[in-house]
Amino acid sequence: MPTQPKPLTKKAQLIQMLSRKSGADVATISEKLGWLPHTTRAALTGLRKAGFDVSAEKPGMGDPMRYRIMAKPADAS
């Protein structure tokens, strides 16, 4: 009987979203992970405290702030 791969944790999903070239905004992350905006911002802070270099970029007038991981800590997988 084949085993199914474990689903990604929410933290792993967040890292995956932020690792894309375009990054992600708070609304997109919140919707995808089922979090409220303040929970999403707290998770971003947690990643920073864990050693991730998370940058915030304002793409243009009226567009939401986008977050992207620029560098991962040495011990991150």
N, C-alpha and C. Protein backbone atom coordinates (compact mmCIF):
# COMPACT_ATOMS: atom_id res chain seq x y z
N MET A 1 0.85 -1.17 0.00
CA MET A 1 0.00 0.00 0.00
C MET A 1 0.90 1.25 0.00
N PRO A 2 0.82 2.06 -1.05
CA PRO A 2 1.68 3.24 -1.11
C PRO A 2 1.30 4.28 -0.06
N THR A 3 2.32 4.89 0.51
CA THR A 3 2.06 5.93 1.50
C THR A 3 1.99 7.29 0.81
N GLN A 4 1.10 8.11 1.30
CA GLN A 4 0.97 9.46 0.75
C GLN A 4 1.96 10.37 1.46
N PRO A 5 2.52 11.32 0.71
CA PRO A 5 3.45 12.25 1.37
C PRO A 5 2.72 13.10 2.39
N LYS A 6 3.44 13.46 3.46
CA LYS A 6 2.85 14.32 4.48
C LYS A 6 2.54 15.68 3.89
N PRO A 7 1.40 16.24 4.26
CA PRO A 7 1.12 17.61 3.78
C PRO A 7 2.10 18.59 4.42
N LEU A 8 2.40 19.64 3.70
CA LEU A 8 3.32 20.66 4.22
C LEU A 8 2.69 21.35 5.42
N THR A 9 3.52 21.67 6.40
CA THR A 9 3.04 22.45 7.53
C THR A 9 2.73 23.87 7.05
N LYS A 10 2.00 24.61 7.84
CA LYS A 10 1.70 25.98 7.44
C LYS A 10 2.97 26.82 7.36
N LYS A 11 3.91 26.56 8.25
CA LYS A 11 5.19 27.29 8.19
C LYS A 11 5.91 26.96 6.88
N ALA A 12 5.91 25.69 6.50
CA ALA A 12 6.57 25.30 5.25
C ALA A 12 5.86 25.92 4.04
N GLN A 13 4.53 25.97 4.10
CA GLN A 13 3.77 26.61 3.02
C GLN A 13 4.10 28.10 2.94
N LEU A 14 4.21 28.75 4.10
CA LEU A 14 4.55 30.17 4.15
C LEU A 14 5.93 30.41 3.54
N ILE A 15 6.90 29.59 3.92
CA ILE A 15 8.25 29.73 3.38
C ILE A 15 8.24 29.53 1.87
N GLN A 16 7.46 28.55 1.41
CA GLN A 16 7.36 28.29 -0.02
C GLN A 16 6.78 29.50 -0.76
N MET A 17 5.72 30.10 -0.21
CA MET A 17 5.09 31.26 -0.83
C MET A 17 6.06 32.45 -0.88
N LEU A 18 6.80 32.64 0.19
CA LEU A 18 7.71 33.79 0.28
C LEU A 18 9.01 33.57 -0.50
N SER A 19 9.27 32.34 -0.88
CA SER A 19 10.49 32.04 -1.63
C SER A 19 10.34 32.29 -3.13
N ARG A 20 9.10 32.47 -3.58
CA ARG A 20 8.88 32.77 -5.00
C ARG A 20 9.47 34.15 -5.33
N LYS A 21 9.83 34.33 -6.58
CA LYS A 21 10.42 35.60 -7.02
C LYS A 21 9.49 36.78 -6.75
N SER A 22 8.18 36.57 -6.93
CA SER A 22 7.21 37.65 -6.73
C SER A 22 6.82 37.82 -5.26
N GLY A 23 7.17 36.85 -4.41
CA GLY A 23 6.79 36.92 -3.01
C GLY A 23 5.28 36.78 -2.83
N ALA A 24 4.75 37.34 -1.75
CA ALA A 24 3.31 37.26 -1.49
C ALA A 24 2.91 38.42 -0.58
N ASP A 25 1.64 38.81 -0.67
CA ASP A 25 1.14 39.86 0.22
C ASP A 25 0.36 39.23 1.37
N VAL A 26 0.08 40.02 2.39
CA VAL A 26 -0.58 39.53 3.60
C VAL A 26 -1.95 38.93 3.27
N ALA A 27 -2.72 39.56 2.40
CA ALA A 27 -4.06 39.06 2.06
C ALA A 27 -3.99 37.68 1.41
N THR A 28 -3.04 37.49 0.52
CA THR A 28 -2.90 36.20 -0.17
C THR A 28 -2.48 35.11 0.82
N ILE A 29 -1.51 35.42 1.66
CA ILE A 29 -1.04 34.45 2.66
C ILE A 29 -2.17 34.10 3.61
N SER A 30 -2.89 35.12 4.09
CA SER A 30 -3.98 34.91 5.04
C SER A 30 -5.06 34.00 4.44
N GLU A 31 -5.41 34.26 3.20
CA GLU A 31 -6.45 33.46 2.54
C GLU A 31 -5.99 32.02 2.34
N LYS A 32 -4.79 31.84 1.87
CA LYS A 32 -4.25 30.50 1.58
C LYS A 32 -4.13 29.66 2.85
N LEU A 33 -3.67 30.27 3.95
CA LEU A 33 -3.41 29.52 5.17
C LEU A 33 -4.55 29.58 6.18
N GLY A 34 -5.58 30.38 5.88
CA GLY A 34 -6.71 30.47 6.80
C GLY A 34 -6.40 31.27 8.05
N TRP A 35 -5.50 32.23 7.94
CA TRP A 35 -5.10 33.06 9.06
C TRP A 35 -5.71 34.45 8.95
N LEU A 36 -5.83 35.12 10.09
CA LEU A 36 -6.19 36.53 10.09
C LEU A 36 -4.93 37.33 9.77
N PRO A 37 -5.09 38.56 9.27
CA PRO A 37 -3.91 39.35 8.90
C PRO A 37 -2.88 39.53 10.02
N HIS A 38 -3.35 39.72 11.26
CA HIS A 38 -2.38 39.92 12.35
C HIS A 38 -1.59 38.63 12.63
N THR A 39 -2.20 37.48 12.39
CA THR A 39 -1.49 36.20 12.55
C THR A 39 -0.42 36.06 11.48
N THR A 40 -0.75 36.48 10.26
CA THR A 40 0.21 36.43 9.16
C THR A 40 1.41 37.32 9.46
N ARG A 41 1.15 38.54 9.92
CA ARG A 41 2.26 39.45 10.24
C ARG A 41 3.12 38.89 11.38
N ALA A 42 2.48 38.24 12.36
CA ALA A 42 3.22 37.63 13.46
C ALA A 42 4.10 36.48 12.94
N ALA A 43 3.60 35.72 11.98
CA ALA A 43 4.38 34.63 11.39
C ALA A 43 5.59 35.18 10.64
N LEU A 44 5.42 36.31 9.96
CA LEU A 44 6.54 36.95 9.27
C LEU A 44 7.60 37.38 10.27
N THR A 45 7.17 37.92 11.40
CA THR A 45 8.09 38.31 12.47
C THR A 45 8.81 37.08 13.02
N GLY A 46 8.08 35.99 13.18
CA GLY A 46 8.68 34.74 13.65
C GLY A 46 9.76 34.23 12.72
N LEU A 47 9.52 34.34 11.41
CA LEU A 47 10.54 33.92 10.44
C LEU A 47 11.78 34.79 10.57
N ARG A 48 11.57 36.08 10.75
CA ARG A 48 12.72 36.99 10.91
C ARG A 48 13.52 36.62 12.15
N LYS A 49 12.82 36.33 13.25
CA LYS A 49 13.51 35.96 14.50
C LYS A 49 14.25 34.63 14.35
N ALA A 50 13.75 33.77 13.45
CA ALA A 50 14.39 32.48 13.21
C ALA A 50 15.59 32.60 12.27
N GLY A 51 15.87 33.81 11.77
CA GLY A 51 17.05 34.03 10.96
C GLY A 51 16.80 34.21 9.48
N PHE A 52 15.54 34.18 9.05
CA PHE A 52 15.23 34.42 7.65
C PHE A 52 15.32 35.91 7.36
N ASP A 53 15.86 36.25 6.21
CA ASP A 53 15.91 37.65 5.77
C ASP A 53 14.66 37.89 4.93
N VAL A 54 13.63 38.47 5.56
CA VAL A 54 12.36 38.73 4.87
C VAL A 54 12.31 40.20 4.51
N SER A 55 12.19 40.48 3.21
CA SER A 55 12.12 41.87 2.79
C SER A 55 10.68 42.24 2.48
N ALA A 56 10.37 43.51 2.66
CA ALA A 56 9.05 44.05 2.35
C ALA A 56 9.22 45.05 1.22
N GLU A 57 8.42 44.88 0.18
CA GLU A 57 8.53 45.76 -0.99
C GLU A 57 7.16 46.32 -1.34
N LYS A 58 7.10 47.60 -1.62
CA LYS A 58 5.87 48.25 -2.06
C LYS A 58 5.95 48.35 -3.58
N PRO A 59 5.20 47.48 -4.31
CA PRO A 59 5.34 47.43 -5.77
C PRO A 59 4.85 48.66 -6.52
N GLY A 60 3.86 49.35 -6.02
CA GLY A 60 3.35 50.52 -6.72
C GLY A 60 2.22 51.17 -5.96
N MET A 61 1.74 52.27 -6.49
CA MET A 61 0.66 53.01 -5.84
C MET A 61 -0.60 52.14 -5.75
N GLY A 62 -1.13 52.01 -4.56
CA GLY A 62 -2.36 51.27 -4.36
C GLY A 62 -2.19 49.77 -4.28
N ASP A 63 -0.99 49.27 -4.54
CA ASP A 63 -0.74 47.83 -4.45
C ASP A 63 -0.31 47.48 -3.02
N PRO A 64 -0.70 46.30 -2.54
CA PRO A 64 -0.31 45.91 -1.17
C PRO A 64 1.17 45.59 -1.06
N MET A 65 1.69 45.73 0.14
CA MET A 65 3.08 45.41 0.44
C MET A 65 3.30 43.92 0.17
N ARG A 66 4.41 43.59 -0.49
CA ARG A 66 4.74 42.20 -0.79
C ARG A 66 5.97 41.81 0.01
N TYR A 67 5.95 40.60 0.51
CA TYR A 67 7.04 40.09 1.34
C TYR A 67 7.72 38.94 0.60
N ARG A 68 9.05 38.88 0.77
CA ARG A 68 9.81 37.85 0.07
C ARG A 68 11.01 37.47 0.91
N ILE A 69 11.35 36.18 0.92
CA ILE A 69 12.54 35.72 1.61
C ILE A 69 13.74 35.96 0.71
N MET A 70 14.68 36.73 1.21
CA MET A 70 15.89 37.04 0.45
C MET A 70 17.02 36.05 0.79
N ALA A 71 17.04 35.56 2.04
CA ALA A 71 18.06 34.61 2.47
C ALA A 71 17.49 33.77 3.61
N LYS A 72 17.88 32.49 3.60
CA LYS A 72 17.46 31.58 4.66
C LYS A 72 18.61 31.38 5.63
N PRO A 73 18.29 31.05 6.89
CA PRO A 73 19.38 30.80 7.85
C PRO A 73 20.14 29.55 7.42
N ALA A 74 21.37 29.43 7.85
CA ALA A 74 22.23 28.30 7.47
C ALA A 74 21.64 26.95 7.88
N ASP A 75 20.92 26.90 9.00
CA ASP A 75 20.39 25.63 9.49
C ASP A 75 19.00 25.30 8.94
N ALA A 76 18.45 26.13 8.06
CA ALA A 76 17.13 25.87 7.48
C ALA A 76 17.26 24.83 6.37
N SER A 77 16.26 23.97 6.28
CA SER A 77 16.31 22.94 5.24
C SER A 77 15.60 23.38 3.99
